[in-house]
Amino acid sequence: MTNPVAAIQKLYSETIRELKKCTWPTRKELFESTRAVISGLVIMTVVVAVLDGVFAAAVRLIAGMN
């Protein structure tokens, strides 16, 4: 059985080593990505809201609940 403290220390040091290999985005890249995600969410919200209205109207029409 291995020493749990040594295993945790090894995991921590390996994690730090791997994180140093990562390429982190610049502030500008992060801002642009965030803007793209928020824009996509807004567009999808509008699409879902429009489709919800269309389908709700269709169901009311079919069910005769005008």
N, C-alpha and C. Protein backbone atom coordinates (compact mmCIF):
# COMPACT_ATOMS: atom_id res chain seq x y z
N MET A 1 0.85 -1.17 0.00
CA MET A 1 0.00 0.00 0.00
C MET A 1 0.89 1.23 0.00
N THR A 2 0.57 2.18 -0.85
CA THR A 2 1.39 3.38 -0.94
C THR A 2 0.95 4.40 0.10
N ASN A 3 1.86 5.29 0.36
CA ASN A 3 1.61 6.36 1.32
C ASN A 3 0.63 7.35 0.70
N PRO A 4 -0.54 7.60 1.32
CA PRO A 4 -1.52 8.51 0.71
C PRO A 4 -1.00 9.94 0.60
N VAL A 5 -0.19 10.36 1.54
CA VAL A 5 0.35 11.73 1.49
C VAL A 5 1.29 11.86 0.30
N ALA A 6 2.11 10.87 0.09
CA ALA A 6 3.03 10.90 -1.05
C ALA A 6 2.25 10.87 -2.37
N ALA A 7 1.17 10.13 -2.42
CA ALA A 7 0.35 10.07 -3.63
C ALA A 7 -0.28 11.42 -3.92
N ILE A 8 -0.74 12.10 -2.89
CA ILE A 8 -1.35 13.43 -3.06
C ILE A 8 -0.29 14.43 -3.52
N GLN A 9 0.90 14.37 -2.93
CA GLN A 9 1.98 15.26 -3.33
C GLN A 9 2.38 15.03 -4.78
N LYS A 10 2.42 13.76 -5.19
CA LYS A 10 2.76 13.43 -6.57
C LYS A 10 1.69 13.97 -7.51
N LEU A 11 0.42 13.77 -7.17
CA LEU A 11 -0.67 14.27 -7.99
C LEU A 11 -0.60 15.79 -8.12
N TYR A 12 -0.34 16.47 -7.01
CA TYR A 12 -0.25 17.93 -7.02
C TYR A 12 0.90 18.40 -7.91
N SER A 13 2.06 17.80 -7.77
CA SER A 13 3.21 18.24 -8.57
C SER A 13 3.00 17.95 -10.05
N GLU A 14 2.37 16.81 -10.38
CA GLU A 14 2.09 16.50 -11.78
C GLU A 14 1.05 17.46 -12.36
N THR A 15 0.08 17.83 -11.55
CA THR A 15 -0.94 18.77 -12.00
C THR A 15 -0.32 20.13 -12.29
N ILE A 16 0.53 20.61 -11.41
CA ILE A 16 1.21 21.89 -11.61
C ILE A 16 2.07 21.84 -12.88
N ARG A 17 2.77 20.74 -13.07
CA ARG A 17 3.62 20.58 -14.25
C ARG A 17 2.78 20.64 -15.53
N GLU A 18 1.64 19.97 -15.54
CA GLU A 18 0.77 19.99 -16.72
C GLU A 18 0.17 21.38 -16.95
N LEU A 19 -0.21 22.07 -15.90
CA LEU A 19 -0.78 23.41 -16.04
C LEU A 19 0.23 24.40 -16.62
N LYS A 20 1.49 24.20 -16.35
CA LYS A 20 2.52 25.08 -16.91
C LYS A 20 2.65 24.88 -18.41
N LYS A 21 2.24 23.74 -18.93
CA LYS A 21 2.30 23.47 -20.37
C LYS A 21 1.13 24.10 -21.11
N CYS A 22 0.10 24.49 -20.38
CA CYS A 22 -1.11 25.03 -21.02
C CYS A 22 -0.84 26.40 -21.63
N THR A 23 -1.54 26.68 -22.71
CA THR A 23 -1.51 28.00 -23.32
C THR A 23 -2.75 28.74 -22.86
N TRP A 24 -2.56 29.77 -22.08
CA TRP A 24 -3.69 30.51 -21.54
C TRP A 24 -4.06 31.65 -22.48
N PRO A 25 -5.36 31.94 -22.62
CA PRO A 25 -5.78 33.01 -23.54
C PRO A 25 -5.38 34.38 -23.00
N THR A 26 -5.15 35.29 -23.95
CA THR A 26 -4.89 36.67 -23.54
C THR A 26 -6.21 37.30 -23.12
N ARG A 27 -6.13 38.47 -22.54
CA ARG A 27 -7.33 39.17 -22.09
C ARG A 27 -8.25 39.46 -23.27
N LYS A 28 -7.64 39.84 -24.41
CA LYS A 28 -8.42 40.15 -25.61
C LYS A 28 -9.12 38.89 -26.14
N GLU A 29 -8.40 37.77 -26.19
CA GLU A 29 -9.00 36.52 -26.66
C GLU A 29 -10.14 36.07 -25.75
N LEU A 30 -9.95 36.23 -24.47
CA LEU A 30 -10.98 35.85 -23.50
C LEU A 30 -12.22 36.71 -23.68
N PHE A 31 -12.03 38.02 -23.88
CA PHE A 31 -13.15 38.93 -24.10
C PHE A 31 -13.90 38.57 -25.37
N GLU A 32 -13.18 38.29 -26.45
CA GLU A 32 -13.82 37.93 -27.72
C GLU A 32 -14.59 36.62 -27.61
N SER A 33 -14.03 35.65 -26.93
CA SER A 33 -14.72 34.38 -26.74
C SER A 33 -15.98 34.56 -25.91
N THR A 34 -15.88 35.35 -24.87
CA THR A 34 -17.04 35.61 -24.02
C THR A 34 -18.13 36.31 -24.80
N ARG A 35 -17.74 37.28 -25.62
CA ARG A 35 -18.71 38.00 -26.44
C ARG A 35 -19.39 37.05 -27.43
N ALA A 36 -18.64 36.14 -28.02
CA ALA A 36 -19.21 35.18 -28.96
C ALA A 36 -20.21 34.25 -28.27
N VAL A 37 -19.88 33.81 -27.08
CA VAL A 37 -20.78 32.92 -26.33
C VAL A 37 -22.07 33.65 -25.96
N ILE A 38 -21.96 34.88 -25.46
CA ILE A 38 -23.15 35.64 -25.07
C ILE A 38 -24.00 35.95 -26.30
N SER A 39 -23.37 36.29 -27.42
CA SER A 39 -24.12 36.55 -28.65
C SER A 39 -24.87 35.29 -29.10
N GLY A 40 -24.21 34.17 -29.03
CA GLY A 40 -24.86 32.91 -29.39
C GLY A 40 -26.04 32.60 -28.49
N LEU A 41 -25.89 32.86 -27.22
CA LEU A 41 -26.99 32.62 -26.28
C LEU A 41 -28.18 33.52 -26.58
N VAL A 42 -27.91 34.77 -26.89
CA VAL A 42 -29.00 35.71 -27.21
C VAL A 42 -29.73 35.24 -28.47
N ILE A 43 -28.97 34.85 -29.50
CA ILE A 43 -29.59 34.38 -30.74
C ILE A 43 -30.43 33.13 -30.49
N MET A 44 -29.89 32.19 -29.74
CA MET A 44 -30.64 30.97 -29.46
C MET A 44 -31.88 31.25 -28.62
N THR A 45 -31.81 32.20 -27.71
CA THR A 45 -32.97 32.57 -26.90
C THR A 45 -34.08 33.12 -27.79
N VAL A 46 -33.72 33.98 -28.73
CA VAL A 46 -34.71 34.54 -29.66
C VAL A 46 -35.32 33.44 -30.51
N VAL A 47 -34.49 32.54 -31.04
CA VAL A 47 -34.99 31.44 -31.88
C VAL A 47 -35.96 30.57 -31.09
N VAL A 48 -35.61 30.20 -29.88
CA VAL A 48 -36.47 29.34 -29.06
C VAL A 48 -37.77 30.07 -28.72
N ALA A 49 -37.70 31.36 -28.40
CA ALA A 49 -38.90 32.12 -28.07
C ALA A 49 -39.84 32.20 -29.27
N VAL A 50 -39.31 32.43 -30.46
CA VAL A 50 -40.14 32.51 -31.66
C VAL A 50 -40.77 31.15 -31.95
N LEU A 51 -39.97 30.09 -31.91
CA LEU A 51 -40.51 28.76 -32.16
C LEU A 51 -41.55 28.36 -31.12
N ASP A 52 -41.34 28.75 -29.88
CA ASP A 52 -42.32 28.47 -28.83
C ASP A 52 -43.64 29.16 -29.13
N GLY A 53 -43.57 30.39 -29.57
CA GLY A 53 -44.79 31.11 -29.93
C GLY A 53 -45.50 30.48 -31.11
N VAL A 54 -44.75 30.07 -32.12
CA VAL A 54 -45.33 29.44 -33.31
C VAL A 54 -46.00 28.12 -32.93
N PHE A 55 -45.31 27.29 -32.18
CA PHE A 55 -45.87 26.00 -31.80
C PHE A 55 -47.07 26.16 -30.86
N ALA A 56 -47.00 27.12 -29.96
CA ALA A 56 -48.14 27.35 -29.06
C ALA A 56 -49.36 27.80 -29.86
N ALA A 57 -49.17 28.67 -30.84
CA ALA A 57 -50.28 29.11 -31.69
C ALA A 57 -50.83 27.94 -32.49
N ALA A 58 -49.96 27.09 -33.00
CA ALA A 58 -50.39 25.93 -33.77
C ALA A 58 -51.21 24.97 -32.91
N VAL A 59 -50.78 24.74 -31.70
CA VAL A 59 -51.51 23.85 -30.79
C VAL A 59 -52.87 24.45 -30.45
N ARG A 60 -52.91 25.76 -30.19
CA ARG A 60 -54.20 26.42 -29.89
C ARG A 60 -55.13 26.33 -31.09
N LEU A 61 -54.59 26.49 -32.29
CA LEU A 61 -55.40 26.41 -33.50
C LEU A 61 -55.95 25.00 -33.69
N ILE A 62 -55.08 24.00 -33.53
CA ILE A 62 -55.50 22.60 -33.70
C ILE A 62 -56.52 22.21 -32.63
N ALA A 63 -56.31 22.66 -31.41
CA ALA A 63 -57.20 22.31 -30.32
C ALA A 63 -58.46 23.16 -30.30
N GLY A 64 -58.52 24.18 -31.13
CA GLY A 64 -59.70 25.05 -31.18
C GLY A 64 -59.84 25.91 -29.95
N MET A 65 -58.70 26.35 -29.39
CA MET A 65 -58.71 27.14 -28.17
C MET A 65 -58.38 28.61 -28.46
N ASN A 66 -58.92 29.15 -29.53
CA ASN A 66 -58.63 30.55 -29.88
C ASN A 66 -59.18 31.40 -28.86
